[in-house]
Amino acid sequence: MPAHEMSATGSGTEWITAVNWIATLGFGLVALCWACLYVAERRINAVPQTGQLARLLPLYQMCTAAGTAVMFGAVL
């Protein structure tokens, strides 16, 4: 069935790889920024405050960004 044969060249998939690389690097950079923000905030406010869970927000966002970067990296 010649109508169902696919060509051997991967035409049009280069942009998908480029977008995956950009997303992987972007989310990795965001994870690094959130980690630096958490460390900087922790240095400034070393005394525990009443809102302990609110202080963990940068860690949560860092883990989310790192997980997304890993997911995009796995697609590559």
PDB file of N, CA and C in Angstrom:
ATOM      1  N   MET A   1       0.834  -1.168   0.000  1.00  0.00           N
ATOM      2  CA  MET A   1       0.000   0.000   0.000  1.00  0.00           C
ATOM      3  C   MET A   1       0.884   1.238   0.000  1.00  0.00           C
ATOM      4  N   PRO A   2       1.154   1.785  -1.125  1.00  0.00           N
ATOM      5  CA  PRO A   2       2.048   2.941  -1.205  1.00  0.00           C
ATOM      6  C   PRO A   2       1.487   4.199  -0.538  1.00  0.00           C
ATOM      7  N   ALA A   3       0.202   4.298  -0.355  1.00  0.00           N
ATOM      8  CA  ALA A   3      -0.378   5.495   0.255  1.00  0.00           C
ATOM      9  C   ALA A   3      -0.033   5.592   1.743  1.00  0.00           C
ATOM     10  N   HIS A   4       0.304   4.473   2.369  1.00  0.00           N
ATOM     11  CA  HIS A   4       0.589   4.466   3.798  1.00  0.00           C
ATOM     12  C   HIS A   4       2.070   4.475   4.127  1.00  0.00           C
ATOM     13  N   GLU A   5       2.927   4.555   3.140  1.00  0.00           N
ATOM     14  CA  GLU A   5       4.357   4.550   3.387  1.00  0.00           C
ATOM     15  C   GLU A   5       4.815   5.934   3.844  1.00  0.00           C
ATOM     16  N   MET A   6       5.719   5.922   4.797  1.00  0.00           N
ATOM     17  CA  MET A   6       6.270   7.168   5.321  1.00  0.00           C
ATOM     18  C   MET A   6       7.661   7.375   4.733  1.00  0.00           C
ATOM     19  N   SER A   7       8.028   8.604   4.555  1.00  0.00           N
ATOM     20  CA  SER A   7       9.369   8.895   4.065  1.00  0.00           C
ATOM     21  C   SER A   7      10.380   8.712   5.192  1.00  0.00           C
ATOM     22  N   ALA A   8      11.614   8.426   4.849  1.00  0.00           N
ATOM     23  CA  ALA A   8      12.657   8.174   5.835  1.00  0.00           C
ATOM     24  C   ALA A   8      13.160   9.459   6.485  1.00  0.00           C
ATOM     25  N   THR A   9      12.951  10.592   5.863  1.00  0.00           N
ATOM     26  CA  THR A   9      13.431  11.855   6.436  1.00  0.00           C
ATOM     27  C   THR A   9      12.456  12.352   7.486  1.00  0.00           C
ATOM     28  N   GLY A  10      12.986  12.965   8.519  1.00  0.00           N
ATOM     29  CA  GLY A  10      12.164  13.516   9.595  1.00  0.00           C
ATOM     30  C   GLY A  10      11.859  14.973   9.323  1.00  0.00           C
ATOM     31  N   SER A  11      11.125  15.262   8.311  1.00  0.00           N
ATOM     32  CA  SER A  11      10.871  16.653   7.949  1.00  0.00           C
ATOM     33  C   SER A  11       9.912  17.297   8.940  1.00  0.00           C
ATOM     34  N   GLY A  12      10.283  18.476   9.390  1.00  0.00           N
ATOM     35  CA  GLY A  12       9.407  19.257  10.248  1.00  0.00           C
ATOM     36  C   GLY A  12       9.523  18.945  11.729  1.00  0.00           C
ATOM     37  N   THR A  13      10.422  18.082  12.141  1.00  0.00           N
ATOM     38  CA  THR A  13      10.529  17.767  13.559  1.00  0.00           C
ATOM     39  C   THR A  13      11.668  18.515  14.241  1.00  0.00           C
ATOM     40  N   GLU A  14      12.455  19.259  13.498  1.00  0.00           N
ATOM     41  CA  GLU A  14      13.568  19.987  14.105  1.00  0.00           C
ATOM     42  C   GLU A  14      13.076  21.057  15.065  1.00  0.00           C
ATOM     43  N   TRP A  15      11.967  21.682  14.746  1.00  0.00           N
ATOM     44  CA  TRP A  15      11.469  22.743  15.606  1.00  0.00           C
ATOM     45  C   TRP A  15      10.968  22.174  16.937  1.00  0.00           C
ATOM     46  N   ILE A  16      10.476  20.954  16.936  1.00  0.00           N
ATOM     47  CA  ILE A  16      10.024  20.335  18.183  1.00  0.00           C
ATOM     48  C   ILE A  16      11.220  20.103  19.107  1.00  0.00           C
ATOM     49  N   THR A  17      12.311  19.637  18.547  1.00  0.00           N
ATOM     50  CA  THR A  17      13.522  19.431  19.336  1.00  0.00           C
ATOM     51  C   THR A  17      14.037  20.762  19.879  1.00  0.00           C
ATOM     52  N   ALA A  18      13.992  21.791  19.062  1.00  0.00           N
ATOM     53  CA  ALA A  18      14.448  23.114  19.504  1.00  0.00           C
ATOM     54  C   ALA A  18      13.579  23.646  20.642  1.00  0.00           C
ATOM     55  N   VAL A  19      12.277  23.484  20.527  1.00  0.00           N
ATOM     56  CA  VAL A  19      11.368  23.949  21.577  1.00  0.00           C
ATOM     57  C   VAL A  19      11.594  23.154  22.861  1.00  0.00           C
ATOM     58  N   ASN A  20      11.823  21.845  22.744  1.00  0.00           N
ATOM     59  CA  ASN A  20      12.099  21.035  23.931  1.00  0.00           C
ATOM     60  C   ASN A  20      13.383  21.477  24.621  1.00  0.00           C
ATOM     61  N   TRP A  21      14.427  21.785  23.842  1.00  0.00           N
ATOM     62  CA  TRP A  21      15.682  22.268  24.434  1.00  0.00           C
ATOM     63  C   TRP A  21      15.475  23.606  25.131  1.00  0.00           C
ATOM     64  N   ILE A  22      14.754  24.501  24.486  1.00  0.00           N
ATOM     65  CA  ILE A  22      14.498  25.819  25.081  1.00  0.00           C
ATOM     66  C   ILE A  22      13.710  25.664  26.372  1.00  0.00           C
ATOM     67  N   ALA A  23      12.693  24.807  26.364  1.00  0.00           N
ATOM     68  CA  ALA A  23      11.880  24.594  27.566  1.00  0.00           C
ATOM     69  C   ALA A  23      12.701  23.936  28.670  1.00  0.00           C
ATOM     70  N   THR A  24      13.528  22.968  28.322  1.00  0.00           N
ATOM     71  CA  THR A  24      14.366  22.298  29.319  1.00  0.00           C
ATOM     72  C   THR A  24      15.320  23.285  29.978  1.00  0.00           C
ATOM     73  N   LEU A  25      16.015  24.062  29.169  1.00  0.00           N
ATOM     74  CA  LEU A  25      16.955  25.036  29.715  1.00  0.00           C
ATOM     75  C   LEU A  25      16.236  26.147  30.475  1.00  0.00           C
ATOM     76  N   GLY A  26      15.094  26.565  29.973  1.00  0.00           N
ATOM     77  CA  GLY A  26      14.323  27.622  30.642  1.00  0.00           C
ATOM     78  C   GLY A  26      13.842  27.195  32.019  1.00  0.00           C
ATOM     79  N   PHE A  27      13.249  26.006  32.104  1.00  0.00           N
ATOM     80  CA  PHE A  27      12.768  25.535  33.396  1.00  0.00           C
ATOM     81  C   PHE A  27      13.919  25.215  34.339  1.00  0.00           C
ATOM     82  N   GLY A  28      15.041  24.746  33.803  1.00  0.00           N
ATOM     83  CA  GLY A  28      16.216  24.535  34.643  1.00  0.00           C
ATOM     84  C   GLY A  28      16.720  25.840  35.228  1.00  0.00           C
ATOM     85  N   LEU A  29      16.729  26.891  34.415  1.00  0.00           N
ATOM     86  CA  LEU A  29      17.148  28.209  34.884  1.00  0.00           C
ATOM     87  C   LEU A  29      16.189  28.751  35.940  1.00  0.00           C
ATOM     88  N   VAL A  30      14.907  28.549  35.728  1.00  0.00           N
ATOM     89  CA  VAL A  30      13.913  29.003  36.708  1.00  0.00           C
ATOM     90  C   VAL A  30      14.087  28.255  38.028  1.00  0.00           C
ATOM     91  N   ALA A  31      14.363  26.949  37.954  1.00  0.00           N
ATOM     92  CA  ALA A  31      14.591  26.176  39.179  1.00  0.00           C
ATOM     93  C   ALA A  31      15.810  26.709  39.929  1.00  0.00           C
ATOM     94  N   LEU A  32      16.858  27.044  39.201  1.00  0.00           N
ATOM     95  CA  LEU A  32      18.051  27.613  39.827  1.00  0.00           C
ATOM     96  C   LEU A  32      17.747  28.965  40.471  1.00  0.00           C
ATOM     97  N   CYS A  33      16.955  29.782  39.795  1.00  0.00           N
ATOM     98  CA  CYS A  33      16.587  31.095  40.350  1.00  0.00           C
ATOM     99  C   CYS A  33      15.782  30.942  41.636  1.00  0.00           C
ATOM    100  N   TRP A  34      14.822  29.999  41.664  1.00  0.00           N
ATOM    101  CA  TRP A  34      14.023  29.792  42.869  1.00  0.00           C
ATOM    102  C   TRP A  34      14.893  29.288  44.015  1.00  0.00           C
ATOM    103  N   ALA A  35      15.867  28.423  43.699  1.00  0.00           N
ATOM    104  CA  ALA A  35      16.767  27.937  44.746  1.00  0.00           C
ATOM    105  C   ALA A  35      17.604  29.082  45.321  1.00  0.00           C
ATOM    106  N   CYS A  36      18.112  29.942  44.459  1.00  0.00           N
ATOM    107  CA  CYS A  36      18.895  31.104  44.919  1.00  0.00           C
ATOM    108  C   CYS A  36      18.030  32.057  45.729  1.00  0.00           C
ATOM    109  N   LEU A  37      16.789  32.248  45.319  1.00  0.00           N
ATOM    110  CA  LEU A  37      15.875  33.111  46.059  1.00  0.00           C
ATOM    111  C   LEU A  37      15.612  32.541  47.451  1.00  0.00           C
ATOM    112  N   TYR A  38      15.431  31.237  47.542  1.00  0.00           N
ATOM    113  CA  TYR A  38      15.193  30.615  48.844  1.00  0.00           C
ATOM    114  C   TYR A  38      16.404  30.790  49.759  1.00  0.00           C
ATOM    115  N   VAL A  39      17.610  30.566  49.224  1.00  0.00           N
ATOM    116  CA  VAL A  39      18.818  30.700  50.037  1.00  0.00           C
ATOM    117  C   VAL A  39      19.008  32.153  50.468  1.00  0.00           C
ATOM    118  N   ALA A  40      18.775  33.098  49.569  1.00  0.00           N
ATOM    119  CA  ALA A  40      18.932  34.512  49.917  1.00  0.00           C
ATOM    120  C   ALA A  40      17.916  34.928  50.978  1.00  0.00           C
ATOM    121  N   GLU A  41      16.683  34.469  50.837  1.00  0.00           N
ATOM    122  CA  GLU A  41      15.653  34.812  51.820  1.00  0.00           C
ATOM    123  C   GLU A  41      15.959  34.165  53.170  1.00  0.00           C
ATOM    124  N   ARG A  42      16.487  32.978  53.129  1.00  0.00           N
ATOM    125  CA  ARG A  42      16.828  32.267  54.368  1.00  0.00           C
ATOM    126  C   ARG A  42      17.973  32.973  55.105  1.00  0.00           C
ATOM    127  N   ARG A  43      18.926  33.525  54.343  1.00  0.00           N
ATOM    128  CA  ARG A  43      20.036  34.257  54.977  1.00  0.00           C
ATOM    129  C   ARG A  43      19.559  35.543  55.632  1.00  0.00           C
ATOM    130  N   ILE A  44      18.612  36.207  55.009  1.00  0.00           N
ATOM    131  CA  ILE A  44      18.110  37.478  55.545  1.00  0.00           C
ATOM    132  C   ILE A  44      17.251  37.230  56.780  1.00  0.00           C
ATOM    133  N   ASN A  45      16.343  36.266  56.687  1.00  0.00           N
ATOM    134  CA  ASN A  45      15.419  35.970  57.786  1.00  0.00           C
ATOM    135  C   ASN A  45      15.778  34.618  58.403  1.00  0.00           C
ATOM    136  N   ALA A  46      16.806  34.582  59.214  1.00  0.00           N
ATOM    137  CA  ALA A  46      17.255  33.325  59.813  1.00  0.00           C
ATOM    138  C   ALA A  46      16.344  32.868  60.948  1.00  0.00           C
ATOM    139  N   VAL A  47      15.616  33.812  61.561  1.00  0.00           N
ATOM    140  CA  VAL A  47      14.718  33.478  62.666  1.00  0.00           C
ATOM    141  C   VAL A  47      13.409  32.930  62.088  1.00  0.00           C
ATOM    142  N   PRO A  48      12.956  31.753  62.532  1.00  0.00           N
ATOM    143  CA  PRO A  48      11.701  31.209  62.013  1.00  0.00           C
ATOM    144  C   PRO A  48      10.522  32.138  62.300  1.00  0.00           C
ATOM    145  N   GLN A  49       9.670  32.266  61.323  1.00  0.00           N
ATOM    146  CA  GLN A  49       8.492  33.112  61.473  1.00  0.00           C
ATOM    147  C   GLN A  49       7.274  32.233  61.723  1.00  0.00           C
ATOM    148  N   THR A  50       6.135  32.860  61.928  1.00  0.00           N
ATOM    149  CA  THR A  50       4.926  32.090  62.199  1.00  0.00           C
ATOM    150  C   THR A  50       4.436  31.348  60.962  1.00  0.00           C
ATOM    151  N   GLY A  51       4.650  31.876  59.786  1.00  0.00           N
ATOM    152  CA  GLY A  51       4.190  31.237  58.560  1.00  0.00           C
ATOM    153  C   GLY A  51       5.240  30.313  57.974  1.00  0.00           C
ATOM    154  N   GLN A  52       5.470  29.182  58.605  1.00  0.00           N
ATOM    155  CA  GLN A  52       6.505  28.258  58.151  1.00  0.00           C
ATOM    156  C   GLN A  52       6.217  27.734  56.749  1.00  0.00           C
ATOM    157  N   LEU A  53       4.961  27.428  56.451  1.00  0.00           N
ATOM    158  CA  LEU A  53       4.636  26.888  55.131  1.00  0.00           C
ATOM    159  C   LEU A  53       4.837  27.929  54.034  1.00  0.00           C
ATOM    160  N   ALA A  54       4.619  29.185  54.360  1.00  0.00           N
ATOM    161  CA  ALA A  54       4.821  30.237  53.373  1.00  0.00           C
ATOM    162  C   ALA A  54       6.294  30.371  53.011  1.00  0.00           C
ATOM    163  N   ARG A  55       7.181  30.029  53.934  1.00  0.00           N
ATOM    164  CA  ARG A  55       8.616  30.105  53.657  1.00  0.00           C
ATOM    165  C   ARG A  55       9.059  28.990  52.718  1.00  0.00           C
ATOM    166  N   LEU A  56       8.275  27.920  52.621  1.00  0.00           N
ATOM    167  CA  LEU A  56       8.633  26.800  51.762  1.00  0.00           C
ATOM    168  C   LEU A  56       8.155  26.987  50.330  1.00  0.00           C
ATOM    169  N   LEU A  57       7.461  28.070  50.049  1.00  0.00           N
ATOM    170  CA  LEU A  57       6.936  28.298  48.705  1.00  0.00           C
ATOM    171  C   LEU A  57       8.023  28.309  47.632  1.00  0.00           C
ATOM    172  N   PRO A  58       9.158  28.980  47.833  1.00  0.00           N
ATOM    173  CA  PRO A  58      10.206  28.910  46.800  1.00  0.00           C
ATOM    174  C   PRO A  58      10.734  27.496  46.570  1.00  0.00           C
ATOM    175  N   LEU A  59      10.792  26.679  47.619  1.00  0.00           N
ATOM    176  CA  LEU A  59      11.234  25.294  47.440  1.00  0.00           C
ATOM    177  C   LEU A  59      10.229  24.499  46.618  1.00  0.00           C
ATOM    178  N   TYR A  60       8.950  24.723  46.871  1.00  0.00           N
ATOM    179  CA  TYR A  60       7.911  24.059  46.101  1.00  0.00           C
ATOM    180  C   TYR A  60       8.006  24.448  44.629  1.00  0.00           C
ATOM    181  N   GLN A  61       8.168  25.731  44.370  1.00  0.00           N
ATOM    182  CA  GLN A  61       8.259  26.196  42.987  1.00  0.00           C
ATOM    183  C   GLN A  61       9.544  25.711  42.325  1.00  0.00           C
ATOM    184  N   MET A  62      10.630  25.618  43.087  1.00  0.00           N
ATOM    185  CA  MET A  62      11.876  25.103  42.537  1.00  0.00           C
ATOM    186  C   MET A  62      11.725  23.637  42.133  1.00  0.00           C
ATOM    187  N   CYS A  63      11.098  22.845  42.990  1.00  0.00           N
ATOM    188  CA  CYS A  63      10.900  21.426  42.672  1.00  0.00           C
ATOM    189  C   CYS A  63       9.964  21.251  41.477  1.00  0.00           C
ATOM    190  N   THR A  64       8.958  22.080  41.379  1.00  0.00           N
ATOM    191  CA  THR A  64       8.048  22.011  40.236  1.00  0.00           C
ATOM    192  C   THR A  64       8.777  22.350  38.946  1.00  0.00           C
ATOM    193  N   ALA A  65       9.578  23.406  38.958  1.00  0.00           N
ATOM    194  CA  ALA A  65      10.330  23.793  37.754  1.00  0.00           C
ATOM    195  C   ALA A  65      11.374  22.739  37.403  1.00  0.00           C
ATOM    196  N   ALA A  66      12.030  22.170  38.400  1.00  0.00           N
ATOM    197  CA  ALA A  66      13.024  21.130  38.124  1.00  0.00           C
ATOM    198  C   ALA A  66      12.366  19.882  37.554  1.00  0.00           C
ATOM    199  N   GLY A  67      11.222  19.510  38.083  1.00  0.00           N
ATOM    200  CA  GLY A  67      10.496  18.357  37.552  1.00  0.00           C
ATOM    201  C   GLY A  67      10.045  18.573  36.124  1.00  0.00           C
ATOM    202  N   THR A  68       9.602  19.782  35.811  1.00  0.00           N
ATOM    203  CA  THR A  68       9.199  20.089  34.441  1.00  0.00           C
ATOM    204  C   THR A  68      10.402  20.064  33.517  1.00  0.00           C
ATOM    205  N   ALA A  69      11.539  20.562  33.975  1.00  0.00           N
ATOM    206  CA  ALA A  69      12.759  20.522  33.155  1.00  0.00           C
ATOM    207  C   ALA A  69      13.189  19.084  32.897  1.00  0.00           C
ATOM    208  N   VAL A  70      13.077  18.232  33.905  1.00  0.00           N
ATOM    209  CA  VAL A  70      13.413  16.821  33.716  1.00  0.00           C
ATOM    210  C   VAL A  70      12.465  16.169  32.712  1.00  0.00           C
ATOM    211  N   MET A  71      11.179  16.516  32.798  1.00  0.00           N
ATOM    212  CA  MET A  71      10.206  15.959  31.871  1.00  0.00           C
ATOM    213  C   MET A  71      10.505  16.372  30.430  1.00  0.00           C
ATOM    214  N   PHE A  72      10.805  17.638  30.211  1.00  0.00           N
ATOM    215  CA  PHE A  72      11.152  18.088  28.867  1.00  0.00           C
ATOM    216  C   PHE A  72      12.470  17.472  28.414  1.00  0.00           C
ATOM    217  N   GLY A  73      13.409  17.293  29.336  1.00  0.00           N
ATOM    218  CA  GLY A  73      14.670  16.654  28.992  1.00  0.00           C
ATOM    219  C   GLY A  73      14.493  15.194  28.616  1.00  0.00           C
ATOM    220  N   ALA A  74      13.556  14.523  29.249  1.00  0.00           N
ATOM    221  CA  ALA A  74      13.298  13.115  28.940  1.00  0.00           C
ATOM    222  C   ALA A  74      12.681  12.956  27.547  1.00  0.00           C
ATOM    223  N   VAL A  75      11.965  13.964  27.109  1.00  0.00           N
ATOM    224  CA  VAL A  75      11.334  13.906  25.785  1.00  0.00           C
ATOM    225  C   VAL A  75      12.391  13.994  24.690  1.00  0.00           C
ATOM    226  N   LEU A  76      13.516  14.650  25.006  1.00  0.00           N
ATOM    227  CA  LEU A  76      14.568  14.776  23.999  1.00  0.00           C
ATOM    228  C   LEU A  76      15.096  13.415  23.693  1.00  0.00           C
TER     229      LEU A  76
END
